[in-house]
């Protein structure tokens, strides 16, 4: 039997990054005067990559400069505002208990993704950052992931392209109906339920 590999998104799947993102936006707004420290921008950044979001809203040169500065400020303001979500530790442990590997595949800048995991004390087997949309699918396929756990329609599409079973969680900005409409095979309201689901899923496939 091949080794079990379960991929996890990071923001709003394993960790609640909202306080840290908002703190970073507030500091960037203080520095630049850009009107970005809003709930609407926070929601947008939970749904899309910061480079794409800023690129759609601002002059290209400013967008690139502000995106880079956002990542720099995130080290000081964003990482400390990161909190582990319920069930995250137990879910990673469940993968290990089943003899598998837990890997993080995220659109987040990889050094900051690693800092966030260290901040909350969550140890995984590998971290792949700056993977957005199709790039997530490529990494999931390269790692041989059988399951991908995430919170956005882009995560659902990445799992489908990688032939991985998608487990969507509603801890992010997208409701269950939207995730199902995107094609999520399984939708849970939090990672608290993932360990039990994972055992059932593997039992069904090995029966």
Protein backbone atom coordinates (compact mmCIF):
# COMPACT_ATOMS: atom_id res chain seq x y z
CA UNK A 1 0.00 0.00 0.00
CA UNK A 2 1.28 3.51 -0.78
CA UNK A 3 2.07 5.80 2.12
CA UNK A 4 -0.85 7.97 3.20
CA UNK A 5 -0.23 11.64 2.45
CA UNK A 6 -2.74 14.28 3.57
CA UNK A 7 -2.33 17.86 2.39
CA UNK A 8 -3.56 20.81 4.43
CA UNK A 9 -4.11 24.41 3.48
CA UNK A 10 -2.88 26.82 6.16
CA UNK A 11 -4.90 30.03 6.61
CA UNK A 12 -8.38 29.37 8.03
CA UNK A 13 -7.83 25.62 7.74
CA UNK A 14 -5.12 24.88 10.30
CA UNK A 15 -4.78 28.40 11.72
CA UNK A 16 -6.93 31.48 12.25
CA UNK A 17 -4.88 34.16 10.56
CA UNK A 18 -7.48 36.95 10.68
CA UNK A 19 -6.06 38.90 13.66
CA UNK A 20 -2.57 38.83 12.18
CA UNK A 21 -3.68 39.86 8.71
CA UNK A 22 -5.67 42.78 10.07
CA UNK A 23 -2.79 43.92 12.30
CA UNK A 24 -0.51 43.85 9.25
CA UNK A 25 -2.98 45.78 7.13
CA UNK A 26 -3.31 48.41 9.84
CA UNK A 27 0.45 48.89 10.00
CA UNK A 28 0.76 49.03 6.21
CA UNK A 29 -2.03 51.61 6.10
CA UNK A 30 -0.25 53.65 8.77
CA UNK A 31 2.95 53.61 6.72
CA UNK A 32 1.48 54.25 3.28
CA UNK A 33 -1.90 55.88 3.77
CA UNK A 34 -3.45 53.20 1.55
CA UNK A 35 -7.13 52.55 2.46
CA UNK A 36 -6.64 48.86 3.17
CA UNK A 37 -7.32 48.20 6.87
CA UNK A 38 -10.95 47.23 6.32
CA UNK A 39 -13.06 44.15 6.99
CA UNK A 40 -13.70 43.96 3.25
CA UNK A 41 -9.97 43.75 2.50
CA UNK A 42 -9.48 41.16 5.23
CA UNK A 43 -12.19 39.01 3.67
CA UNK A 44 -10.64 39.47 0.21
CA UNK A 45 -7.21 38.33 1.42
CA UNK A 46 -8.73 35.20 2.93
CA UNK A 47 -10.05 34.38 -0.52
CA UNK A 48 -7.15 35.44 -2.76
CA UNK A 49 -3.40 35.89 -2.90
CA UNK A 50 -2.25 39.33 -1.70
CA UNK A 51 -0.37 40.03 -4.96
CA UNK A 52 -3.48 39.37 -7.05
CA UNK A 53 -5.76 41.36 -4.76
CA UNK A 54 -3.50 44.40 -4.54
CA UNK A 55 -2.79 44.11 -8.26
CA UNK A 56 -6.48 44.45 -9.06
CA UNK A 57 -6.94 47.45 -6.78
CA UNK A 58 -3.84 49.62 -7.17
CA UNK A 59 -1.32 50.91 -9.69
CA UNK A 60 1.02 48.07 -10.68
CA UNK A 61 4.17 49.59 -9.15
CA UNK A 62 2.42 50.44 -5.88
CA UNK A 63 0.75 47.04 -5.74
CA UNK A 64 4.08 45.22 -6.05
CA UNK A 65 5.76 47.47 -3.46
CA UNK A 66 2.89 47.18 -1.00
CA UNK A 67 2.63 43.39 -1.43
CA UNK A 68 6.33 43.00 -0.64
CA UNK A 69 6.01 45.33 2.34
CA UNK A 70 2.95 43.42 3.57
CA UNK A 71 5.05 40.24 3.71
CA UNK A 72 7.83 42.05 5.58
CA UNK A 73 5.43 43.53 8.12
CA UNK A 74 3.71 40.19 8.51
CA UNK A 75 6.75 38.79 10.29
CA UNK A 76 6.32 41.33 13.10
CA UNK A 77 2.56 41.93 13.12
CA UNK A 78 0.95 38.95 11.41
CA UNK A 79 2.75 35.94 12.82
CA UNK A 80 2.05 36.81 16.48
CA UNK A 81 -1.64 37.21 15.61
CA UNK A 82 -1.90 33.63 14.33
CA UNK A 83 -3.87 31.09 16.37
CA UNK A 84 -4.35 27.35 15.92
CA UNK A 85 -7.88 26.31 14.95
CA UNK A 86 -9.84 23.67 16.89
CA UNK A 87 -8.98 20.16 15.78
CA UNK A 88 -5.80 21.11 13.91
CA UNK A 89 -3.39 19.38 16.27
CA UNK A 90 -5.58 16.30 16.51
CA UNK A 91 -5.92 16.11 12.71
CA UNK A 92 -2.16 16.21 12.11
CA UNK A 93 -1.70 13.64 14.87
CA UNK A 94 -4.38 11.40 13.30
CA UNK A 95 -2.49 11.34 9.99
CA UNK A 96 0.68 10.35 11.82
CA UNK A 97 -1.15 7.70 13.87
CA UNK A 98 -2.25 6.15 10.59
CA UNK A 99 1.38 6.00 9.44
CA UNK A 100 1.02 8.93 7.09
CA UNK A 101 2.57 12.30 6.33
CA UNK A 102 0.89 15.66 6.92
CA UNK A 103 2.03 18.32 4.45
CA UNK A 104 1.03 21.97 4.22
CA UNK A 105 0.37 23.33 0.73
CA UNK A 106 -0.47 27.03 0.91
CA UNK A 107 -0.54 30.21 -1.15
CA UNK A 108 1.19 31.98 1.74
CA UNK A 109 4.78 33.15 1.35
CA UNK A 110 6.66 30.07 2.51
CA UNK A 111 8.94 31.65 5.15
CA UNK A 112 5.88 33.25 6.76
CA UNK A 113 3.95 29.99 6.56
CA UNK A 114 6.74 28.29 8.48
CA UNK A 115 6.81 31.11 11.03
CA UNK A 116 3.06 30.79 11.58
CA UNK A 117 3.32 27.05 12.17
CA UNK A 118 6.16 27.63 14.61
CA UNK A 119 4.12 30.37 16.33
CA UNK A 120 1.29 27.94 17.11
CA UNK A 121 3.61 24.97 17.76
CA UNK A 122 2.20 22.83 14.97
CA UNK A 123 4.69 20.39 13.46
CA UNK A 124 4.07 18.95 10.01
CA UNK A 125 6.19 16.82 7.70
CA UNK A 126 6.68 19.35 4.91
CA UNK A 127 5.67 22.91 4.01
CA UNK A 128 5.15 24.15 0.45
CA UNK A 129 4.41 27.86 0.22
CA UNK A 130 3.51 30.29 -2.55
CA UNK A 131 1.39 27.59 -4.19
CA UNK A 132 -1.72 29.22 -5.57
CA UNK A 133 -4.53 27.52 -7.53
CA UNK A 134 -2.95 25.22 -10.15
CA UNK A 135 0.41 25.24 -8.35
CA UNK A 136 -1.28 23.61 -5.35
CA UNK A 137 -2.50 20.82 -7.61
CA UNK A 138 0.99 20.24 -8.98
CA UNK A 139 2.46 19.94 -5.48
CA UNK A 140 -0.32 17.68 -4.23
CA UNK A 141 0.26 15.41 -7.22
CA UNK A 142 4.04 15.44 -6.75
CA UNK A 143 3.62 14.52 -3.06
CA UNK A 144 1.12 11.77 -3.84
CA UNK A 145 -1.57 13.31 -1.63
CA UNK A 146 -4.69 11.15 -1.33
CA UNK A 147 -6.61 13.84 0.60
CA UNK A 148 -6.49 17.63 0.61
CA UNK A 149 -8.08 19.69 3.37
CA UNK A 150 -8.85 23.35 2.67
CA UNK A 151 -11.42 26.12 2.92
CA UNK A 152 -11.79 27.72 -0.53
CA UNK A 153 -13.18 26.81 -3.96
CA UNK A 154 -9.62 27.13 -5.29
CA UNK A 155 -8.62 24.40 -2.84
CA UNK A 156 -11.44 22.25 -4.16
CA UNK A 157 -10.29 22.72 -7.74
CA UNK A 158 -6.68 21.96 -6.81
CA UNK A 159 -7.71 18.69 -5.16
CA UNK A 160 -9.73 17.70 -8.23
CA UNK A 161 -6.80 18.37 -10.55
CA UNK A 162 -4.54 16.30 -8.31
CA UNK A 163 -7.04 13.42 -8.04
CA UNK A 164 -7.13 13.88 -4.26
CA UNK A 165 -10.26 13.56 -2.14
CA UNK A 166 -11.29 17.07 -1.10
CA UNK A 167 -12.31 17.73 2.47
CA UNK A 168 -13.56 21.30 2.71
CA UNK A 169 -13.95 23.06 6.05
CA UNK A 170 -16.25 26.02 6.65
CA UNK A 171 -13.89 27.75 9.08
CA UNK A 172 -12.90 30.13 6.27
CA UNK A 173 -14.97 32.71 4.36
CA UNK A 174 -16.86 30.25 2.14
CA UNK A 175 -20.10 28.57 3.28
CA UNK A 176 -20.80 24.86 2.85
CA UNK A 177 -23.12 25.39 -0.13
CA UNK A 178 -20.44 27.30 -2.04
CA UNK A 179 -17.82 24.64 -1.34
CA UNK A 180 -20.17 21.85 -2.41
CA UNK A 181 -21.05 23.76 -5.57
CA UNK A 182 -17.33 23.97 -6.36
CA UNK A 183 -17.19 20.17 -6.16
CA UNK A 184 -16.09 19.38 -2.60
CA UNK A 185 -16.65 15.68 -1.93
CA UNK A 186 -16.78 16.16 1.85
CA UNK A 187 -17.63 19.29 3.85
CA UNK A 188 -16.99 19.57 7.60
CA UNK A 189 -17.72 22.47 9.91
CA UNK A 190 -14.26 22.18 11.51
CA UNK A 191 -11.18 20.00 11.74
CA UNK A 192 -12.55 18.60 15.00
CA UNK A 193 -14.37 16.02 12.87
CA UNK A 194 -11.47 15.17 10.55
CA UNK A 195 -9.75 12.40 12.56
CA UNK A 196 -12.95 10.33 12.76
CA UNK A 197 -13.74 11.00 9.10
CA UNK A 198 -10.24 9.98 8.04
CA UNK A 199 -10.48 6.60 9.78
CA UNK A 200 -13.88 5.93 8.19
CA UNK A 201 -12.62 7.01 4.78
CA UNK A 202 -9.60 4.72 4.90
CA UNK A 203 -11.65 1.81 6.24
CA UNK A 204 -14.10 2.19 3.36
CA UNK A 205 -11.31 2.22 0.79
CA UNK A 206 -9.55 -0.77 2.29
CA UNK A 207 -12.67 -2.89 2.80
